[in-house]
Structure formats: C-alpha cells, structure tokens
Amino acid sequence: MTPALDLVAAVDCPLCHTLVPEATGRALLAGADWRCPQCDQLWNAGRLATVAAYGEYCAGRAKA
C-alpha cells in the first residue's frame, strides 16, 4: 500500500528531489500538475502514484 499523501506539505520531485512548495498534496488530489523547476519534468498525482508503486515493487524484489 502506498503511503498517505500529506495534504498540506510541499511535494518534492521524485527525479531530482527538488522541493516544490507550491505543489501540495491537496492541489494534486484536486487535479493540479506541476513542473519541476530544476529538471523540468511534469508531475501529477497519477504519475507520482506510479513512481511510488514502482519504488515499493523494487523494495519488495530487493528483500526476495
């Protein structure tokens, strides 16, 4: 199961880990997207969920 999305905390870019204060969990759940100012990747709630699911998959495979 994916971790709960903090609705008020700023989000960081999964690719370069730059903190993006204007992107919050609440905004993402409302359908917003954002572009990382450092690496220029476009992110939204669906893409962040995919990255989180892949991280869990990789962690599970490392334990096996």
C-alpha atoms as a PDB file:
ATOM      1  CA  MET A   1       0.000   0.000   0.000  1.00  0.00           C
ATOM      2  CA  THR A   2       1.273   3.480  -0.854  1.00  0.00           C
ATOM      3  CA  PRO A   3       1.920   5.971   1.936  1.00  0.00           C
ATOM      4  CA  ALA A   4      -0.775   8.551   2.622  1.00  0.00           C
ATOM      5  CA  LEU A   5      -0.327  11.803   0.761  1.00  0.00           C
ATOM      6  CA  ASP A   6       0.239  14.706   3.180  1.00  0.00           C
ATOM      7  CA  LEU A   7      -2.357  17.247   2.051  1.00  0.00           C
ATOM      8  CA  VAL A   8      -0.553  20.396   3.151  1.00  0.00           C
ATOM      9  CA  ALA A   9       3.133  19.533   2.883  1.00  0.00           C
ATOM     10  CA  ALA A  10       5.142  20.598  -0.127  1.00  0.00           C
ATOM     11  CA  VAL A  11       5.975  17.915  -2.647  1.00  0.00           C
ATOM     12  CA  ASP A  12       9.453  17.069  -3.854  1.00  0.00           C
ATOM     13  CA  CYS A  13      10.377  15.913  -7.339  1.00  0.00           C
ATOM     14  CA  PRO A  14      10.901  12.128  -7.411  1.00  0.00           C
ATOM     15  CA  LEU A  15      13.549  12.508 -10.108  1.00  0.00           C
ATOM     16  CA  CYS A  16      15.874  15.198  -8.722  1.00  0.00           C
ATOM     17  CA  HIS A  17      14.396  15.633  -5.194  1.00  0.00           C
ATOM     18  CA  THR A  18      13.908  19.392  -5.538  1.00  0.00           C
ATOM     19  CA  LEU A  19      11.310  20.690  -3.071  1.00  0.00           C
ATOM     20  CA  VAL A  20       8.396  22.420  -4.833  1.00  0.00           C
ATOM     21  CA  PRO A  21       6.477  24.378  -2.152  1.00  0.00           C
ATOM     22  CA  GLU A  22       3.622  25.427  -4.454  1.00  0.00           C
ATOM     23  CA  ALA A  23       2.777  21.782  -5.175  1.00  0.00           C
ATOM     24  CA  THR A  24       0.859  20.307  -2.236  1.00  0.00           C
ATOM     25  CA  GLY A  25      -0.958  17.032  -1.784  1.00  0.00           C
ATOM     26  CA  ARG A  26      -4.279  18.863  -1.696  1.00  0.00           C
ATOM     27  CA  ALA A  27      -3.585  20.547  -5.050  1.00  0.00           C
ATOM     28  CA  LEU A  28      -2.526  17.244  -6.625  1.00  0.00           C
ATOM     29  CA  LEU A  29      -5.677  15.493  -5.444  1.00  0.00           C
ATOM     30  CA  ALA A  30      -7.701  18.328  -6.953  1.00  0.00           C
ATOM     31  CA  GLY A  31      -6.161  17.519 -10.340  1.00  0.00           C
ATOM     32  CA  ALA A  32      -3.296  20.005 -10.452  1.00  0.00           C
ATOM     33  CA  ASP A  33       0.017  19.226 -12.060  1.00  0.00           C
ATOM     34  CA  TRP A  34       3.378  20.928 -11.698  1.00  0.00           C
ATOM     35  CA  ARG A  35       6.672  21.201 -13.493  1.00  0.00           C
ATOM     36  CA  CYS A  36       9.884  20.792 -11.547  1.00  0.00           C
ATOM     37  CA  PRO A  37      11.931  24.000 -11.711  1.00  0.00           C
ATOM     38  CA  GLN A  38      15.191  22.017 -11.628  1.00  0.00           C
ATOM     39  CA  CYS A  39      14.764  19.095 -14.069  1.00  0.00           C
ATOM     40  CA  ASP A  40      11.674  20.351 -15.977  1.00  0.00           C
ATOM     41  CA  GLN A  41       9.696  17.104 -15.516  1.00  0.00           C
ATOM     42  CA  LEU A  42       5.906  17.408 -15.488  1.00  0.00           C
ATOM     43  CA  TRP A  43       4.235  15.669 -12.500  1.00  0.00           C
ATOM     44  CA  ASN A  44       0.652  14.958 -11.405  1.00  0.00           C
ATOM     45  CA  ALA A  45      -0.986  12.672  -8.837  1.00  0.00           C
ATOM     46  CA  GLY A  46      -1.153   9.715 -11.233  1.00  0.00           C
ATOM     47  CA  ARG A  47       2.493   9.911 -12.186  1.00  0.00           C
ATOM     48  CA  LEU A  48       3.567  10.307  -8.547  1.00  0.00           C
ATOM     49  CA  ALA A  49       1.481   7.235  -7.618  1.00  0.00           C
ATOM     50  CA  THR A  50       3.182   5.243 -10.373  1.00  0.00           C
ATOM     51  CA  VAL A  51       6.635   6.229  -9.088  1.00  0.00           C
ATOM     52  CA  ALA A  52       5.624   5.259  -5.518  1.00  0.00           C
ATOM     53  CA  ALA A  53       4.259   1.880  -6.682  1.00  0.00           C
ATOM     54  CA  TYR A  54       7.459   1.171  -8.606  1.00  0.00           C
ATOM     55  CA  GLY A  55       9.526   2.046  -5.518  1.00  0.00           C
ATOM     56  CA  GLU A  56       7.511  -0.459  -3.471  1.00  0.00           C
ATOM     57  CA  TYR A  57       7.947  -3.086  -6.179  1.00  0.00           C
ATOM     58  CA  CYS A  58      11.719  -2.579  -6.216  1.00  0.00           C
ATOM     59  CA  ALA A  59      11.913  -2.700  -2.413  1.00  0.00           C
ATOM     60  CA  GLY A  60       9.960  -5.981  -2.413  1.00  0.00           C
ATOM     61  CA  ARG A  61      12.255  -7.519  -5.017  1.00  0.00           C
ATOM     62  CA  ALA A  62      15.342  -6.498  -3.035  1.00  0.00           C
ATOM     63  CA  LYS A  63      14.046  -8.434   0.001  1.00  0.00           C
ATOM     64  CA  ALA A  64      13.447 -11.619  -2.001  1.00  0.00           C
END
